[in-house]
Amino acid sequence: MDDVTKLLDGSIDNVKAGLSGLSHDDLLRLKAAEEAGKNRKGVLDLIGAALTDVDAKRAGGFVQNAPMTSNSVAADTVTTAPANIPPATTIDTSGAPQQIVGDVDMSHPAVDADPRAGTTDDMNRIDFNDPNLSGPDAVAKMLDANKG
């Protein structure tokens, strides 16, 4: 147990006091630990609100359909100015740049939050392209490798 997850040993008031200044990743770890442990609705609500605040600050606005809290920043929705989305500074394990866009609702039916759900290891191996092979050569190589 690290210092962040030790917060969960305390009362809801202790957790609330300890959330200030935690990073997005720390809050996600805390949320997962709470869900796997005591699973207190009040604590999960506090962590969710803190995540919304952190994401809103990173995105320079507000997170759509998220509850506004005293620390949330409301976005100007009628503007022609360029979006204030900070550039990515990290890369996800999928290889995609991690860039927070505050108004993306990950539960929306048009957003595929888990594009590899239900796929096998073999299906995901096919996703890797060899830049030294043409498309037909890559397919032929994969088919040859799967002959049994």
N, C-alpha and C. Protein backbone atom coordinates (compact mmCIF):
# COMPACT_ATOMS: atom_id res chain seq x y z
N MET A 1 0.85 -1.18 0.00
CA MET A 1 0.00 0.00 0.00
C MET A 1 0.89 1.24 0.00
N ASP A 2 0.65 2.17 -0.94
CA ASP A 2 1.46 3.37 -1.00
C ASP A 2 0.79 4.51 -0.24
N ASP A 3 1.46 5.65 -0.19
CA ASP A 3 0.94 6.80 0.56
C ASP A 3 -0.42 7.25 0.06
N VAL A 4 -0.63 7.16 -1.24
CA VAL A 4 -1.91 7.61 -1.80
C VAL A 4 -3.04 6.71 -1.34
N THR A 5 -2.87 5.40 -1.47
CA THR A 5 -3.95 4.50 -1.10
C THR A 5 -4.14 4.41 0.42
N LYS A 6 -3.16 4.83 1.20
CA LYS A 6 -3.33 4.88 2.66
C LYS A 6 -4.44 5.85 3.05
N LEU A 7 -4.73 6.82 2.16
CA LEU A 7 -5.84 7.75 2.43
C LEU A 7 -7.14 7.00 2.70
N LEU A 8 -7.31 5.86 2.06
CA LEU A 8 -8.56 5.11 2.17
C LEU A 8 -8.75 4.47 3.53
N ASP A 9 -7.70 4.45 4.36
CA ASP A 9 -7.82 3.92 5.71
C ASP A 9 -8.61 4.86 6.61
N GLY A 10 -8.71 6.12 6.21
CA GLY A 10 -9.38 7.11 7.03
C GLY A 10 -10.86 7.23 6.73
N SER A 11 -11.48 8.19 7.41
CA SER A 11 -12.90 8.45 7.21
C SER A 11 -13.10 9.20 5.89
N ILE A 12 -14.34 9.38 5.51
CA ILE A 12 -14.65 10.13 4.28
C ILE A 12 -14.07 11.54 4.38
N ASP A 13 -14.15 12.16 5.56
CA ASP A 13 -13.59 13.50 5.73
C ASP A 13 -12.07 13.50 5.55
N ASN A 14 -11.40 12.44 6.05
CA ASN A 14 -9.96 12.33 5.86
C ASN A 14 -9.60 12.18 4.38
N VAL A 15 -10.38 11.36 3.68
CA VAL A 15 -10.15 11.17 2.25
C VAL A 15 -10.35 12.49 1.51
N LYS A 16 -11.43 13.18 1.84
CA LYS A 16 -11.73 14.47 1.18
C LYS A 16 -10.58 15.44 1.37
N ALA A 17 -10.05 15.51 2.57
CA ALA A 17 -8.95 16.44 2.86
C ALA A 17 -7.67 16.05 2.11
N GLY A 18 -7.50 14.77 1.84
CA GLY A 18 -6.28 14.31 1.20
C GLY A 18 -6.29 14.32 -0.32
N LEU A 19 -7.43 14.61 -0.94
CA LEU A 19 -7.53 14.56 -2.40
C LEU A 19 -6.88 15.75 -3.10
N SER A 20 -6.83 16.87 -2.42
CA SER A 20 -6.29 18.09 -3.03
C SER A 20 -4.85 17.89 -3.48
N GLY A 21 -4.59 18.22 -4.72
CA GLY A 21 -3.23 18.16 -5.24
C GLY A 21 -2.83 16.81 -5.82
N LEU A 22 -3.71 15.81 -5.74
CA LEU A 22 -3.37 14.51 -6.32
C LEU A 22 -3.46 14.58 -7.84
N SER A 23 -2.63 13.80 -8.51
CA SER A 23 -2.64 13.78 -9.97
C SER A 23 -3.79 12.91 -10.48
N HIS A 24 -4.04 13.00 -11.77
CA HIS A 24 -5.06 12.17 -12.42
C HIS A 24 -4.77 10.68 -12.17
N ASP A 25 -3.52 10.28 -12.38
CA ASP A 25 -3.15 8.87 -12.18
C ASP A 25 -3.30 8.43 -10.73
N ASP A 26 -2.92 9.30 -9.79
CA ASP A 26 -3.10 8.98 -8.37
C ASP A 26 -4.58 8.78 -8.04
N LEU A 27 -5.42 9.66 -8.59
CA LEU A 27 -6.86 9.55 -8.33
C LEU A 27 -7.43 8.27 -8.93
N LEU A 28 -6.96 7.88 -10.10
CA LEU A 28 -7.43 6.63 -10.71
C LEU A 28 -7.01 5.42 -9.86
N ARG A 29 -5.78 5.43 -9.35
CA ARG A 29 -5.32 4.35 -8.46
C ARG A 29 -6.17 4.30 -7.19
N LEU A 30 -6.46 5.48 -6.65
CA LEU A 30 -7.26 5.57 -5.44
C LEU A 30 -8.67 5.03 -5.70
N LYS A 31 -9.25 5.40 -6.83
CA LYS A 31 -10.59 4.94 -7.18
C LYS A 31 -10.61 3.41 -7.31
N ALA A 32 -9.62 2.85 -8.00
CA ALA A 32 -9.57 1.39 -8.18
C ALA A 32 -9.42 0.69 -6.83
N ALA A 33 -8.60 1.25 -5.95
CA ALA A 33 -8.39 0.64 -4.64
C ALA A 33 -9.67 0.71 -3.80
N GLU A 34 -10.39 1.81 -3.88
CA GLU A 34 -11.65 1.95 -3.13
C GLU A 34 -12.69 0.98 -3.68
N GLU A 35 -12.78 0.85 -5.00
CA GLU A 35 -13.74 -0.07 -5.60
C GLU A 35 -13.43 -1.51 -5.22
N ALA A 36 -12.15 -1.85 -5.13
CA ALA A 36 -11.76 -3.21 -4.77
C ALA A 36 -11.84 -3.45 -3.26
N GLY A 37 -11.91 -2.38 -2.49
CA GLY A 37 -11.94 -2.50 -1.04
C GLY A 37 -13.31 -2.22 -0.46
N LYS A 38 -13.43 -1.11 0.24
CA LYS A 38 -14.67 -0.78 0.95
C LYS A 38 -15.80 -0.36 0.02
N ASN A 39 -15.47 0.17 -1.14
CA ASN A 39 -16.46 0.55 -2.16
C ASN A 39 -17.53 1.51 -1.60
N ARG A 40 -17.07 2.54 -0.90
CA ARG A 40 -17.99 3.51 -0.29
C ARG A 40 -18.44 4.53 -1.33
N LYS A 41 -19.74 4.68 -1.48
CA LYS A 41 -20.30 5.59 -2.48
C LYS A 41 -19.82 7.02 -2.24
N GLY A 42 -19.80 7.46 -1.01
CA GLY A 42 -19.38 8.82 -0.70
C GLY A 42 -17.93 9.08 -1.11
N VAL A 43 -17.06 8.11 -0.85
CA VAL A 43 -15.65 8.25 -1.22
C VAL A 43 -15.51 8.23 -2.74
N LEU A 44 -16.22 7.31 -3.40
CA LEU A 44 -16.15 7.24 -4.86
C LEU A 44 -16.67 8.53 -5.50
N ASP A 45 -17.71 9.12 -4.93
CA ASP A 45 -18.23 10.39 -5.44
C ASP A 45 -17.18 11.50 -5.30
N LEU A 46 -16.50 11.54 -4.16
CA LEU A 46 -15.46 12.54 -3.94
C LEU A 46 -14.30 12.37 -4.92
N ILE A 47 -13.89 11.12 -5.14
CA ILE A 47 -12.80 10.85 -6.08
C ILE A 47 -13.24 11.22 -7.50
N GLY A 48 -14.48 10.90 -7.84
CA GLY A 48 -15.01 11.25 -9.16
C GLY A 48 -15.02 12.76 -9.38
N ALA A 49 -15.43 13.51 -8.38
CA ALA A 49 -15.43 14.97 -8.49
C ALA A 49 -14.01 15.51 -8.60
N ALA A 50 -13.08 14.92 -7.86
CA ALA A 50 -11.68 15.35 -7.95
C ALA A 50 -11.11 15.05 -9.33
N LEU A 51 -11.46 13.90 -9.91
CA LEU A 51 -11.02 13.57 -11.27
C LEU A 51 -11.57 14.57 -12.28
N THR A 52 -12.84 14.94 -12.11
CA THR A 52 -13.45 15.93 -12.99
C THR A 52 -12.69 17.25 -12.90
N ASP A 53 -12.36 17.66 -11.70
CA ASP A 53 -11.63 18.92 -11.52
C ASP A 53 -10.25 18.86 -12.16
N VAL A 54 -9.53 17.76 -11.94
CA VAL A 54 -8.19 17.62 -12.52
C VAL A 54 -8.27 17.63 -14.04
N ASP A 55 -9.22 16.87 -14.59
CA ASP A 55 -9.36 16.81 -16.05
C ASP A 55 -9.77 18.16 -16.62
N ALA A 56 -10.64 18.88 -15.92
CA ALA A 56 -11.06 20.19 -16.39
C ALA A 56 -9.89 21.17 -16.41
N LYS A 57 -9.07 21.11 -15.39
CA LYS A 57 -7.91 22.00 -15.35
C LYS A 57 -6.93 21.66 -16.46
N ARG A 58 -6.74 20.36 -16.72
CA ARG A 58 -5.83 19.94 -17.80
C ARG A 58 -6.38 20.35 -19.16
N ALA A 59 -7.70 20.32 -19.31
CA ALA A 59 -8.31 20.63 -20.60
C ALA A 59 -8.59 22.12 -20.78
N GLY A 60 -8.43 22.89 -19.72
CA GLY A 60 -8.68 24.33 -19.81
C GLY A 60 -10.15 24.68 -19.88
N GLY A 61 -11.01 23.82 -19.45
CA GLY A 61 -12.45 24.07 -19.49
C GLY A 61 -13.18 23.15 -18.57
N PHE A 62 -14.33 22.67 -19.01
CA PHE A 62 -15.08 21.76 -18.16
C PHE A 62 -15.26 20.43 -18.87
N VAL A 63 -15.57 19.40 -18.10
CA VAL A 63 -15.79 18.08 -18.64
C VAL A 63 -17.29 17.92 -18.83
N GLN A 64 -17.71 17.69 -20.09
CA GLN A 64 -19.13 17.62 -20.42
C GLN A 64 -19.84 16.55 -19.61
N ASN A 65 -21.04 16.86 -19.17
CA ASN A 65 -21.90 15.96 -18.40
C ASN A 65 -21.30 15.56 -17.06
N ALA A 66 -20.30 16.26 -16.61
CA ALA A 66 -19.72 15.98 -15.30
C ALA A 66 -20.25 17.02 -14.32
N PRO A 67 -20.39 16.64 -13.05
CA PRO A 67 -20.91 17.60 -12.08
C PRO A 67 -19.91 18.75 -11.88
N MET A 68 -20.41 19.97 -11.88
CA MET A 68 -19.55 21.12 -11.61
C MET A 68 -19.31 21.18 -10.10
N THR A 69 -18.10 21.44 -9.72
CA THR A 69 -17.76 21.61 -8.32
C THR A 69 -17.21 23.01 -8.14
N SER A 70 -16.91 23.37 -6.91
CA SER A 70 -16.44 24.73 -6.66
C SER A 70 -15.12 25.02 -7.37
N ASN A 71 -14.33 23.97 -7.71
CA ASN A 71 -13.05 24.18 -8.36
C ASN A 71 -13.10 24.06 -9.88
N SER A 72 -14.25 23.65 -10.44
CA SER A 72 -14.36 23.45 -11.87
C SER A 72 -14.34 24.78 -12.60
N VAL A 73 -13.82 24.73 -13.81
CA VAL A 73 -13.75 25.92 -14.64
C VAL A 73 -14.76 25.75 -15.76
N ALA A 74 -15.68 26.69 -15.90
CA ALA A 74 -16.68 26.60 -16.96
C ALA A 74 -16.10 27.09 -18.27
N ALA A 75 -16.35 26.36 -19.33
CA ALA A 75 -15.84 26.72 -20.65
C ALA A 75 -16.80 27.67 -21.34
N ASP A 76 -16.26 28.57 -22.13
CA ASP A 76 -17.07 29.43 -22.97
C ASP A 76 -17.47 28.60 -24.18
N THR A 77 -18.76 28.33 -24.34
CA THR A 77 -19.19 27.42 -25.40
C THR A 77 -19.42 28.13 -26.72
N VAL A 78 -19.48 29.44 -26.74
CA VAL A 78 -19.66 30.17 -28.00
C VAL A 78 -18.39 30.98 -28.24
N THR A 79 -17.51 30.42 -29.07
CA THR A 79 -16.25 31.10 -29.34
C THR A 79 -15.70 30.66 -30.68
N THR A 80 -14.91 31.51 -31.27
CA THR A 80 -14.23 31.15 -32.51
C THR A 80 -12.73 31.04 -32.28
N ALA A 81 -12.32 31.20 -31.05
CA ALA A 81 -10.90 31.12 -30.72
C ALA A 81 -10.44 29.66 -30.81
N PRO A 82 -9.16 29.45 -31.06
CA PRO A 82 -8.65 28.07 -31.09
C PRO A 82 -8.86 27.38 -29.75
N ALA A 83 -9.06 26.08 -29.79
CA ALA A 83 -9.24 25.30 -28.56
C ALA A 83 -7.98 25.38 -27.71
N ASN A 84 -8.16 25.39 -26.43
CA ASN A 84 -7.05 25.46 -25.49
C ASN A 84 -6.78 24.07 -24.94
N ILE A 85 -6.39 23.14 -25.83
CA ILE A 85 -6.11 21.76 -25.44
C ILE A 85 -4.60 21.59 -25.36
N PRO A 86 -4.09 21.28 -24.18
CA PRO A 86 -2.64 21.14 -24.06
C PRO A 86 -2.12 19.98 -24.91
N PRO A 87 -0.91 20.10 -25.44
CA PRO A 87 -0.35 19.01 -26.23
C PRO A 87 -0.07 17.79 -25.36
N ALA A 88 -0.07 16.64 -26.01
CA ALA A 88 0.21 15.39 -25.30
C ALA A 88 1.65 15.39 -24.78
N THR A 89 1.84 14.86 -23.60
CA THR A 89 3.18 14.74 -23.03
C THR A 89 3.55 13.29 -22.73
N THR A 90 2.55 12.40 -22.84
CA THR A 90 2.80 10.97 -22.60
C THR A 90 2.14 10.16 -23.70
N ILE A 91 2.56 8.91 -23.79
CA ILE A 91 2.01 7.98 -24.77
C ILE A 91 1.34 6.84 -24.01
N ASP A 92 0.10 6.50 -24.40
CA ASP A 92 -0.61 5.37 -23.81
C ASP A 92 0.03 4.06 -24.24
N THR A 93 -0.31 3.00 -23.55
CA THR A 93 0.21 1.69 -23.92
C THR A 93 -0.24 1.27 -25.31
N SER A 94 -1.32 1.88 -25.80
CA SER A 94 -1.78 1.57 -27.16
C SER A 94 -0.91 2.23 -28.21
N GLY A 95 -0.05 3.14 -27.79
CA GLY A 95 0.80 3.87 -28.72
C GLY A 95 0.24 5.22 -29.10
N ALA A 96 -0.95 5.54 -28.60
CA ALA A 96 -1.58 6.81 -28.93
C ALA A 96 -1.12 7.89 -27.97
N PRO A 97 -0.93 9.11 -28.47
CA PRO A 97 -0.62 10.22 -27.56
C PRO A 97 -1.77 10.42 -26.58
N GLN A 98 -1.45 10.63 -25.32
CA GLN A 98 -2.49 10.85 -24.32
C GLN A 98 -2.76 12.35 -24.25
N GLN A 99 -3.89 12.73 -24.79
CA GLN A 99 -4.26 14.13 -24.84
C GLN A 99 -5.67 14.26 -24.28
N ILE A 100 -5.83 15.05 -23.25
CA ILE A 100 -7.11 15.19 -22.58
C ILE A 100 -7.94 16.24 -23.31
N VAL A 101 -9.10 15.83 -23.79
CA VAL A 101 -10.07 16.73 -24.39
C VAL A 101 -11.27 16.69 -23.47
N GLY A 102 -11.50 17.79 -22.78
CA GLY A 102 -12.43 17.81 -21.66
C GLY A 102 -13.86 17.44 -21.94
N ASP A 103 -14.35 17.61 -23.17
CA ASP A 103 -15.77 17.39 -23.37
C ASP A 103 -16.08 16.06 -24.05
N VAL A 104 -15.16 15.10 -24.01
CA VAL A 104 -15.43 13.78 -24.58
C VAL A 104 -16.09 12.92 -23.51
N ASP A 105 -17.29 12.45 -23.82
CA ASP A 105 -18.02 11.58 -22.92
C ASP A 105 -17.68 10.15 -23.31
N MET A 106 -16.81 9.50 -22.53
CA MET A 106 -16.34 8.16 -22.87
C MET A 106 -17.45 7.12 -22.85
N SER A 107 -18.60 7.44 -22.26
CA SER A 107 -19.71 6.49 -22.25
C SER A 107 -20.64 6.68 -23.45
N HIS A 108 -20.38 7.68 -24.29
CA HIS A 108 -21.21 7.93 -25.46
C HIS A 108 -21.10 6.77 -26.44
N PRO A 109 -22.21 6.37 -27.07
CA PRO A 109 -22.17 5.22 -27.99
C PRO A 109 -21.21 5.39 -29.17
N ALA A 110 -20.90 6.62 -29.55
CA ALA A 110 -20.00 6.84 -30.68
C ALA A 110 -18.53 6.73 -30.29
N VAL A 111 -18.24 6.65 -29.00
CA VAL A 111 -16.86 6.56 -28.53
C VAL A 111 -16.57 5.12 -28.13
N ASP A 112 -15.55 4.55 -28.73
CA ASP A 112 -15.15 3.19 -28.40
C ASP A 112 -14.02 3.26 -27.38
N ALA A 113 -14.38 3.15 -26.11
CA ALA A 113 -13.41 3.28 -25.03
C ALA A 113 -12.53 2.04 -24.90
N ASP A 114 -12.94 0.94 -25.50
CA ASP A 114 -12.17 -0.30 -25.41
C ASP A 114 -12.19 -1.01 -26.76
N PRO A 115 -11.44 -0.47 -27.73
CA PRO A 115 -11.52 -1.01 -29.09
C PRO A 115 -11.00 -2.44 -29.23
N ARG A 116 -10.28 -2.94 -28.26
CA ARG A 116 -9.74 -4.30 -28.36
C ARG A 116 -10.55 -5.31 -27.54
N ALA A 117 -11.68 -4.88 -27.01
CA ALA A 117 -12.51 -5.80 -26.23
C ALA A 117 -12.96 -6.96 -27.11
N GLY A 118 -12.85 -8.17 -26.59
CA GLY A 118 -13.31 -9.34 -27.31
C GLY A 118 -12.35 -9.84 -28.38
N THR A 119 -11.17 -9.26 -28.45
CA THR A 119 -10.21 -9.71 -29.46
C THR A 119 -9.21 -10.67 -28.82
N THR A 120 -8.59 -11.47 -29.66
CA THR A 120 -7.59 -12.42 -29.17
C THR A 120 -6.20 -11.83 -29.34
N ASP A 121 -5.21 -12.49 -28.77
CA ASP A 121 -3.83 -12.05 -28.95
C ASP A 121 -3.44 -12.08 -30.42
N ASP A 122 -3.88 -13.12 -31.14
CA ASP A 122 -3.55 -13.20 -32.56
C ASP A 122 -4.15 -12.04 -33.35
N MET A 123 -5.38 -11.67 -33.02
CA MET A 123 -6.01 -10.54 -33.71
C MET A 123 -5.21 -9.26 -33.50
N ASN A 124 -4.69 -9.09 -32.31
CA ASN A 124 -3.95 -7.87 -32.01
C ASN A 124 -2.54 -7.89 -32.60
N ARG A 125 -1.98 -9.06 -32.80
CA ARG A 125 -0.67 -9.14 -33.44
C ARG A 125 -0.75 -8.64 -34.88
N ILE A 126 -1.87 -8.86 -35.53
CA ILE A 126 -2.04 -8.45 -36.92
C ILE A 126 -2.01 -6.92 -37.03
N ASP A 127 -2.32 -6.22 -35.96
CA ASP A 127 -2.35 -4.76 -35.99
C ASP A 127 -0.98 -4.14 -36.23
N PHE A 128 0.09 -4.88 -35.93
CA PHE A 128 1.42 -4.32 -36.10
C PHE A 128 1.84 -4.44 -37.56
N ASN A 129 2.22 -3.34 -38.14
CA ASN A 129 2.64 -3.32 -39.53
C ASN A 129 4.15 -3.22 -39.62
N ASP A 130 4.73 -3.99 -40.51
CA ASP A 130 6.15 -3.94 -40.78
C ASP A 130 6.35 -2.92 -41.89
N PRO A 131 6.99 -1.79 -41.61
CA PRO A 131 7.12 -0.75 -42.62
C PRO A 131 8.00 -1.17 -43.81
N ASN A 132 8.68 -2.30 -43.66
CA ASN A 132 9.54 -2.78 -44.75
C ASN A 132 8.81 -3.72 -45.71
N LEU A 133 7.56 -4.08 -45.39
CA LEU A 133 6.79 -4.97 -46.24
C LEU A 133 5.63 -4.23 -46.88
N SER A 134 5.31 -4.62 -48.11
CA SER A 134 4.12 -4.07 -48.76
C SER A 134 2.91 -4.72 -48.10
N GLY A 135 1.73 -4.18 -48.33
CA GLY A 135 0.51 -4.74 -47.77
C GLY A 135 0.31 -6.20 -48.14
N PRO A 136 0.38 -6.54 -49.44
CA PRO A 136 0.21 -7.95 -49.83
C PRO A 136 1.28 -8.86 -49.23
N ASP A 137 2.52 -8.39 -49.14
CA ASP A 137 3.58 -9.20 -48.55
C ASP A 137 3.33 -9.44 -47.06
N ALA A 138 2.84 -8.43 -46.36
CA ALA A 138 2.55 -8.57 -44.94
C ALA A 138 1.44 -9.60 -44.73
N VAL A 139 0.39 -9.53 -45.58
CA VAL A 139 -0.70 -10.50 -45.47
C VAL A 139 -0.19 -11.91 -45.75
N ALA A 140 0.60 -12.06 -46.81
CA ALA A 140 1.14 -13.37 -47.17
C ALA A 140 2.00 -13.92 -46.03
N LYS A 141 2.82 -13.08 -45.44
CA LYS A 141 3.67 -13.52 -44.32
C LYS A 141 2.83 -13.99 -43.14
N MET A 142 1.78 -13.25 -42.82
CA MET A 142 0.91 -13.63 -41.70
C MET A 142 0.18 -14.93 -42.00
N LEU A 143 -0.30 -15.08 -43.22
CA LEU A 143 -1.00 -16.32 -43.59
C LEU A 143 -0.07 -17.51 -43.53
N ASP A 144 1.17 -17.33 -44.00
CA ASP A 144 2.15 -18.40 -43.94
C ASP A 144 2.46 -18.79 -42.50
N ALA A 145 2.54 -17.81 -41.63
CA ALA A 145 2.86 -18.07 -40.22
C ALA A 145 1.73 -18.83 -39.53
N ASN A 146 0.50 -18.68 -40.03
CA ASN A 146 -0.65 -19.32 -39.39
C ASN A 146 -0.98 -20.69 -39.99
N LYS A 147 -0.24 -21.12 -40.98
CA LYS A 147 -0.48 -22.45 -41.55
C LYS A 147 -0.09 -23.49 -40.52
N GLY A 148 -0.91 -24.47 -40.38
CA GLY A 148 -0.59 -25.40 -39.32
C GLY A 148 -0.60 -26.78 -39.71
